[in-house]
């Protein structure tokens, strides 16, 4: 009896290198998705430009209910989305506008656009200081310059931009903060400015007050004051605040007699704070200095300097220029 012996064959093994090549290939294929997951996500999730528009509309609805940190995170996320949309469509005016819009939102988040800061800028030329917080590393001036660049780019690509009213207001604010501009072209943009939302309405009042005062436009300032006295305005202004704006506008317009009259009227009012008395003395000095009456100017500057406990930097600068310290 014979046993049938079958020839045994060994299964062919895969080359060893395939065990390494396949995982490496998968890593290489998935690596771009890891770094550019947002691009992939928004490409699959629908129209990224439409999502950007919705986020812009949503931001102002959450202003009063979210803390600054969450608002800033929202802005940063929206800016990343704007970058993605811009890479997909670099020639879009609306994308450039939204890039500027979210930089503008950061500006309004970091700055206190109030009567106090408007008076500081109109009277002393001091830009508002940034609120403390973990914001982008850009200074206020650099952020404002980037905002203005994006908005100008949007308007250059599409002069009939459907959000032109908002763009005009953003441009005026950002140019004033970036370069301290007060030239007539900003007045033209201001005429187009949209102040429909509460945020924009407050910005428009702040910009208009400071620009009118800095340009010495007393007549334009007087025309807007009745509306500012109506109840429900987004910026709280006292009668004394408005008197200071009038005095600043008269001074910048070189109507020194009127400016001195207004300042003296303020000086005669009861209940002035120490800061207001310092500002009155400083303005008296500025008015006389502008007319080259140096001895009288020095007297008022020294009065204000003493009231400030010798700490007011602007008055100190004037006294040093006049060799009176």
Protein backbone atom coordinates (compact mmCIF):
# COMPACT_ATOMS: atom_id res chain seq x y z
CA UNK A 1 0.00 0.00 0.00
CA UNK A 2 1.34 3.31 -1.06
CA UNK A 3 0.71 6.63 0.65
CA UNK A 4 0.05 9.60 -1.64
CA UNK A 5 2.36 12.36 -0.81
CA UNK A 6 1.29 15.84 -2.00
CA UNK A 7 3.85 18.47 -2.63
CA UNK A 8 3.62 21.12 0.01
CA UNK A 9 4.05 24.74 -1.12
CA UNK A 10 4.86 27.61 1.20
CA UNK A 11 2.62 30.68 0.95
CA UNK A 12 4.52 33.55 -0.57
CA UNK A 13 5.19 36.27 1.97
CA UNK A 14 4.67 39.92 1.14
CA UNK A 15 7.86 41.91 1.01
CA UNK A 16 8.78 43.31 4.42
CA UNK A 17 8.98 46.88 3.16
CA UNK A 18 5.21 46.93 2.45
CA UNK A 19 4.54 46.77 6.18
CA UNK A 20 6.16 50.20 6.45
CA UNK A 21 5.22 51.78 3.16
CA UNK A 22 1.44 51.50 3.64
CA UNK A 23 1.30 53.22 7.08
CA UNK A 24 3.69 55.92 5.89
CA UNK A 25 1.57 56.51 2.80
CA UNK A 26 -1.54 56.88 4.94
CA UNK A 27 0.21 59.38 7.19
CA UNK A 28 1.37 61.39 4.16
CA UNK A 29 -2.15 61.40 2.75
CA UNK A 30 -3.76 62.42 6.05
CA UNK A 31 -1.16 65.01 7.06
CA UNK A 32 -2.57 67.83 4.89
CA UNK A 33 -6.02 67.18 6.33
CA UNK A 34 -4.57 67.58 9.83
CA UNK A 35 -3.09 70.98 9.04
CA UNK A 36 -5.87 72.19 6.74
CA UNK A 37 -8.87 70.58 8.39
CA UNK A 38 -10.74 73.87 8.46
CA UNK A 39 -10.44 74.23 4.69
CA UNK A 40 -11.68 70.69 4.24
CA UNK A 41 -14.48 71.10 6.77
CA UNK A 42 -15.84 74.34 5.30
CA UNK A 43 -15.54 72.98 1.78
CA UNK A 44 -17.71 70.01 2.73
CA UNK A 45 -20.08 72.00 4.97
CA UNK A 46 -21.37 74.28 2.23
CA UNK A 47 -20.78 77.82 1.02
CA UNK A 48 -18.05 79.28 3.25
CA UNK A 49 -18.79 82.83 2.06
CA UNK A 50 -22.39 82.44 3.17
CA UNK A 51 -21.26 81.14 6.56
CA UNK A 52 -18.98 84.18 6.88
CA UNK A 53 -21.88 86.53 6.24
CA UNK A 54 -24.01 84.75 8.85
CA UNK A 55 -21.25 85.04 11.45
CA UNK A 56 -20.93 88.76 10.79
CA UNK A 57 -24.69 89.17 11.27
CA UNK A 58 -24.62 87.06 14.44
CA UNK A 59 -21.79 88.94 16.17
CA UNK A 60 -23.74 92.09 17.00
CA UNK A 61 -26.62 90.05 18.41
CA UNK A 62 -24.36 88.52 21.10
CA UNK A 63 -22.50 91.70 22.11
CA UNK A 64 -24.53 92.34 25.23
CA UNK A 65 -24.67 88.72 26.39
CA UNK A 66 -21.11 87.41 26.00
CA UNK A 67 -17.94 88.31 27.88
CA UNK A 68 -15.02 89.90 25.96
CA UNK A 69 -12.95 86.69 25.90
CA UNK A 70 -15.72 84.74 24.15
CA UNK A 71 -16.37 87.62 21.77
CA UNK A 72 -12.70 87.72 20.84
CA UNK A 73 -12.65 83.95 20.24
CA UNK A 74 -15.66 84.44 17.95
CA UNK A 75 -13.78 87.15 16.03
CA UNK A 76 -10.66 85.02 15.67
CA UNK A 77 -12.68 82.06 14.39
CA UNK A 78 -14.44 84.29 11.88
CA UNK A 79 -11.12 85.74 10.70
CA UNK A 80 -9.78 82.23 10.07
CA UNK A 81 -12.87 81.53 8.00
CA UNK A 82 -12.32 84.80 6.09
CA UNK A 83 -8.76 83.69 5.30
CA UNK A 84 -10.08 80.41 3.90
CA UNK A 85 -12.69 82.18 1.78
CA UNK A 86 -10.06 84.63 0.51
CA UNK A 87 -7.81 81.77 -0.58
CA UNK A 88 -10.73 80.29 -2.52
CA UNK A 89 -11.75 83.62 -4.07
CA UNK A 90 -8.96 86.23 -3.72
CA UNK A 91 -10.71 88.82 -5.90
CA UNK A 92 -13.89 89.12 -3.84
CA UNK A 93 -14.74 92.61 -2.57
CA UNK A 94 -17.11 91.19 0.04
CA UNK A 95 -14.39 88.93 1.46
CA UNK A 96 -12.05 91.93 1.81
CA UNK A 97 -14.90 93.82 3.49
CA UNK A 98 -15.53 91.01 5.99
CA UNK A 99 -11.80 90.84 6.78
CA UNK A 100 -11.91 94.53 7.61
CA UNK A 101 -15.21 94.15 9.46
CA UNK A 102 -13.85 91.59 11.92
CA UNK A 103 -10.75 93.71 12.53
CA UNK A 104 -13.17 96.59 13.21
CA UNK A 105 -15.02 94.39 15.70
CA UNK A 106 -11.73 93.81 17.52
CA UNK A 107 -11.14 97.57 17.59
CA UNK A 108 -14.53 98.21 19.18
CA UNK A 109 -13.93 95.37 21.63
CA UNK A 110 -10.58 96.74 22.75
CA UNK A 111 -11.48 100.43 22.85
CA UNK A 112 -13.88 102.36 25.03
CA UNK A 113 -15.68 104.61 22.56
CA UNK A 114 -17.33 106.83 25.16
CA UNK A 115 -17.80 110.55 25.83
CA UNK A 116 -14.61 110.49 27.95
CA UNK A 117 -12.38 109.11 25.17
CA UNK A 118 -14.04 111.35 22.57
CA UNK A 119 -13.22 114.41 24.69
CA UNK A 120 -9.64 113.17 25.21
CA UNK A 121 -9.12 112.88 21.46
CA UNK A 122 -10.95 116.10 20.53
CA UNK A 123 -9.30 118.19 23.23
CA UNK A 124 -5.88 116.72 23.85
CA UNK A 125 -5.31 114.56 20.77
CA UNK A 126 -4.96 111.42 22.90
CA UNK A 127 -6.06 108.19 21.25
CA UNK A 128 -8.08 105.78 23.41
CA UNK A 129 -6.00 103.19 25.22
CA UNK A 130 -6.56 99.49 24.66
CA UNK A 131 -8.46 97.58 27.32
CA UNK A 132 -6.40 94.87 29.04
CA UNK A 133 -6.93 91.41 27.62
CA UNK A 134 -5.47 88.58 25.57
CA UNK A 135 -5.96 90.11 22.13
CA UNK A 136 -3.91 89.96 18.95
CA UNK A 137 -0.37 91.29 19.20
CA UNK A 138 -1.13 94.27 16.98
CA UNK A 139 -1.18 97.76 18.48
CA UNK A 140 -4.35 99.83 18.11
CA UNK A 141 -2.69 101.88 15.36
CA UNK A 142 -1.58 98.76 13.46
CA UNK A 143 -4.98 97.09 13.84
CA UNK A 144 -6.71 100.27 12.63
CA UNK A 145 -4.33 100.49 9.66
CA UNK A 146 -5.09 96.86 8.69
CA UNK A 147 -8.82 97.58 9.01
CA UNK A 148 -8.57 100.64 6.76
CA UNK A 149 -6.50 98.70 4.20
CA UNK A 150 -9.08 95.90 3.92
CA UNK A 151 -12.01 98.33 3.62
CA UNK A 152 -10.25 100.48 1.02
CA UNK A 153 -9.43 97.33 -0.93
CA UNK A 154 -13.08 96.25 -0.84
CA UNK A 155 -14.29 99.65 -2.05
CA UNK A 156 -11.64 99.73 -4.78
CA UNK A 157 -12.78 96.33 -6.08
CA UNK A 158 -16.46 97.27 -5.87
CA UNK A 159 -17.31 100.99 -5.47
CA UNK A 160 -21.01 100.06 -5.25
CA UNK A 161 -20.46 97.58 -2.43
CA UNK A 162 -23.82 96.62 -0.94
CA UNK A 163 -22.44 97.29 2.55
CA UNK A 164 -20.91 100.62 1.49
CA UNK A 165 -22.62 102.56 4.31
CA UNK A 166 -21.06 100.35 6.97
CA UNK A 167 -17.74 100.31 5.13
CA UNK A 168 -17.68 104.13 5.06
CA UNK A 169 -18.14 104.38 8.83
CA UNK A 170 -15.51 101.72 9.52
CA UNK A 171 -13.09 103.54 7.22
CA UNK A 172 -13.54 106.88 9.02
CA UNK A 173 -12.92 105.36 12.46
CA UNK A 174 -9.93 103.27 11.36
CA UNK A 175 -8.26 106.17 9.49
CA UNK A 176 -8.65 108.46 12.51
CA UNK A 177 -7.13 105.87 14.83
CA UNK A 178 -4.35 104.79 12.46
CA UNK A 179 -3.12 108.12 11.14
CA UNK A 180 -4.98 110.86 13.09
CA UNK A 181 -6.41 112.03 9.76
CA UNK A 182 -9.07 114.74 9.80
CA UNK A 183 -9.07 115.77 6.13
CA UNK A 184 -12.28 116.57 4.20
CA UNK A 185 -12.50 113.15 2.50
CA UNK A 186 -13.43 111.65 5.87
CA UNK A 187 -16.37 114.06 6.08
CA UNK A 188 -17.54 112.78 2.69
CA UNK A 189 -17.38 109.19 3.92
CA UNK A 190 -19.18 110.19 7.09
CA UNK A 191 -22.13 111.46 5.04
CA UNK A 192 -22.54 107.92 3.65
CA UNK A 193 -22.01 106.20 7.00
CA UNK A 194 -24.57 103.69 8.20
CA UNK A 195 -25.53 103.82 11.87
CA UNK A 196 -28.43 101.37 11.87
CA UNK A 197 -27.33 98.94 14.59
CA UNK A 198 -26.69 100.02 18.22
CA UNK A 199 -22.96 99.35 17.80
CA UNK A 200 -22.70 101.40 14.62
CA UNK A 201 -24.86 104.18 16.05
CA UNK A 202 -22.47 104.58 18.99
CA UNK A 203 -19.44 104.53 16.71
CA UNK A 204 -21.02 107.11 14.42
CA UNK A 205 -21.68 109.55 17.27
CA UNK A 206 -18.14 109.10 18.63
CA UNK A 207 -16.56 109.63 15.22
CA UNK A 208 -18.76 112.59 14.31
CA UNK A 209 -18.17 114.46 17.59
CA UNK A 210 -14.41 114.04 17.48
CA UNK A 211 -14.09 114.77 13.77
CA UNK A 212 -16.23 117.94 13.95
CA UNK A 213 -14.25 119.21 16.94
CA UNK A 214 -10.84 118.35 15.47
CA UNK A 215 -11.72 120.00 12.15
CA UNK A 216 -13.00 123.12 13.89
CA UNK A 217 -16.44 122.67 12.33
CA UNK A 218 -18.54 124.55 14.90
CA UNK A 219 -21.54 124.88 12.60
CA UNK A 220 -21.58 121.16 11.80
CA UNK A 221 -21.28 120.37 15.49
CA UNK A 222 -24.21 122.61 16.38
CA UNK A 223 -26.38 120.93 13.73
CA UNK A 224 -25.89 117.51 15.32
CA UNK A 225 -26.27 118.52 18.97
CA UNK A 226 -30.11 118.54 19.10
CA UNK A 227 -30.20 114.86 18.12
CA UNK A 228 -27.64 114.01 20.80
CA UNK A 229 -29.88 115.50 23.47
CA UNK A 230 -32.76 113.16 22.61
CA UNK A 231 -33.38 110.25 25.01
CA UNK A 232 -32.23 106.76 24.07
CA UNK A 233 -28.93 107.75 22.48
CA UNK A 234 -26.21 105.04 22.59
CA UNK A 235 -23.66 107.50 24.03
CA UNK A 236 -24.35 109.32 27.29
CA UNK A 237 -23.37 112.99 27.00
CA UNK A 238 -23.88 115.67 29.62
CA UNK A 239 -24.45 119.34 28.89
CA UNK A 240 -20.93 120.00 30.18
CA UNK A 241 -19.50 117.47 27.72
CA UNK A 242 -21.20 119.30 24.86
CA UNK A 243 -19.83 122.65 26.11
CA UNK A 244 -16.29 121.25 25.98
CA UNK A 245 -16.86 119.97 22.43
CA UNK A 246 -18.07 123.45 21.43
CA UNK A 247 -14.96 125.03 22.95
CA UNK A 248 -12.65 122.56 21.21
CA UNK A 249 -14.34 123.14 17.84
CA UNK A 250 -14.08 126.94 18.24
CA UNK A 251 -10.40 126.65 19.18
CA UNK A 252 -9.54 124.36 16.26
CA UNK A 253 -11.44 126.72 13.97
CA UNK A 254 -9.22 129.58 15.26
CA UNK A 255 -12.17 131.44 16.70
CA UNK A 256 -10.18 132.17 19.85
CA UNK A 257 -12.54 134.78 21.28
CA UNK A 258 -15.46 132.34 21.11
CA UNK A 259 -13.32 129.50 22.49
CA UNK A 260 -12.24 131.65 25.46
CA UNK A 261 -15.83 132.70 26.09
CA UNK A 262 -17.01 129.07 26.17
CA UNK A 263 -14.15 127.98 28.43
CA UNK A 264 -14.82 130.85 30.84
CA UNK A 265 -18.51 129.87 30.94
CA UNK A 266 -17.49 126.32 31.87
CA UNK A 267 -15.08 127.70 34.49
CA UNK A 268 -17.92 129.59 36.16
CA UNK A 269 -20.08 126.50 36.63
CA UNK A 270 -20.40 124.86 40.02
CA UNK A 271 -19.44 121.27 40.72
CA UNK A 272 -16.52 120.89 38.30
CA UNK A 273 -14.26 117.93 38.99
CA UNK A 274 -10.54 118.46 39.47
CA UNK A 275 -9.93 116.97 36.04
CA UNK A 276 -12.33 119.43 34.45
CA UNK A 277 -10.70 122.38 36.25
CA UNK A 278 -7.29 121.21 35.01
CA UNK A 279 -8.65 121.03 31.46
CA UNK A 280 -10.18 124.52 31.71
CA UNK A 281 -6.82 125.97 32.83
CA UNK A 282 -4.99 124.09 30.07
CA UNK A 283 -7.39 125.37 27.42
CA UNK A 284 -7.01 128.96 28.68
CA UNK A 285 -3.27 128.53 28.27
CA UNK A 286 -3.63 127.03 24.78
CA UNK A 287 -5.89 129.88 23.62
CA UNK A 288 -3.44 132.57 24.75
CA UNK A 289 -0.45 130.63 23.41
CA UNK A 290 -2.12 130.36 19.98
CA UNK A 291 -2.32 134.16 19.99
CA UNK A 292 1.34 134.43 21.07
CA UNK A 293 0.49 135.91 24.47
CA UNK A 294 3.09 133.74 26.18
CA UNK A 295 3.17 135.28 29.66
CA UNK A 296 -0.57 134.84 30.13
CA UNK A 297 -0.41 131.34 28.63
CA UNK A 298 2.31 130.36 31.12
CA UNK A 299 0.18 131.63 34.01
CA UNK A 300 -2.74 129.36 33.08
CA UNK A 301 -0.52 126.39 32.26
CA UNK A 302 1.11 126.69 35.69
CA UNK A 303 -2.32 126.91 37.31
CA UNK A 304 -3.38 123.67 35.65
CA UNK A 305 -0.04 122.03 36.43
CA UNK A 306 -0.40 122.81 40.12
CA UNK A 307 -3.98 121.51 40.13
CA UNK A 308 -2.69 118.22 38.67
CA UNK A 309 -0.03 117.92 41.42
CA UNK A 310 2.55 118.50 38.68
CA UNK A 311 1.56 115.27 36.94
CA UNK A 312 -0.25 116.38 33.77
CA UNK A 313 2.04 115.32 30.89
CA UNK A 314 0.59 117.64 28.23
CA UNK A 315 0.80 120.76 30.42
CA UNK A 316 4.30 119.76 31.47
CA UNK A 317 5.27 119.50 27.78
CA UNK A 318 3.91 123.00 27.11
CA UNK A 319 5.79 124.50 30.07
CA UNK A 320 9.03 122.84 28.96
CA UNK A 321 8.56 124.29 25.45
CA UNK A 322 8.09 127.74 27.01
CA UNK A 323 11.08 127.29 29.37
CA UNK A 324 8.73 127.86 32.29
CA UNK A 325 9.55 124.85 34.47
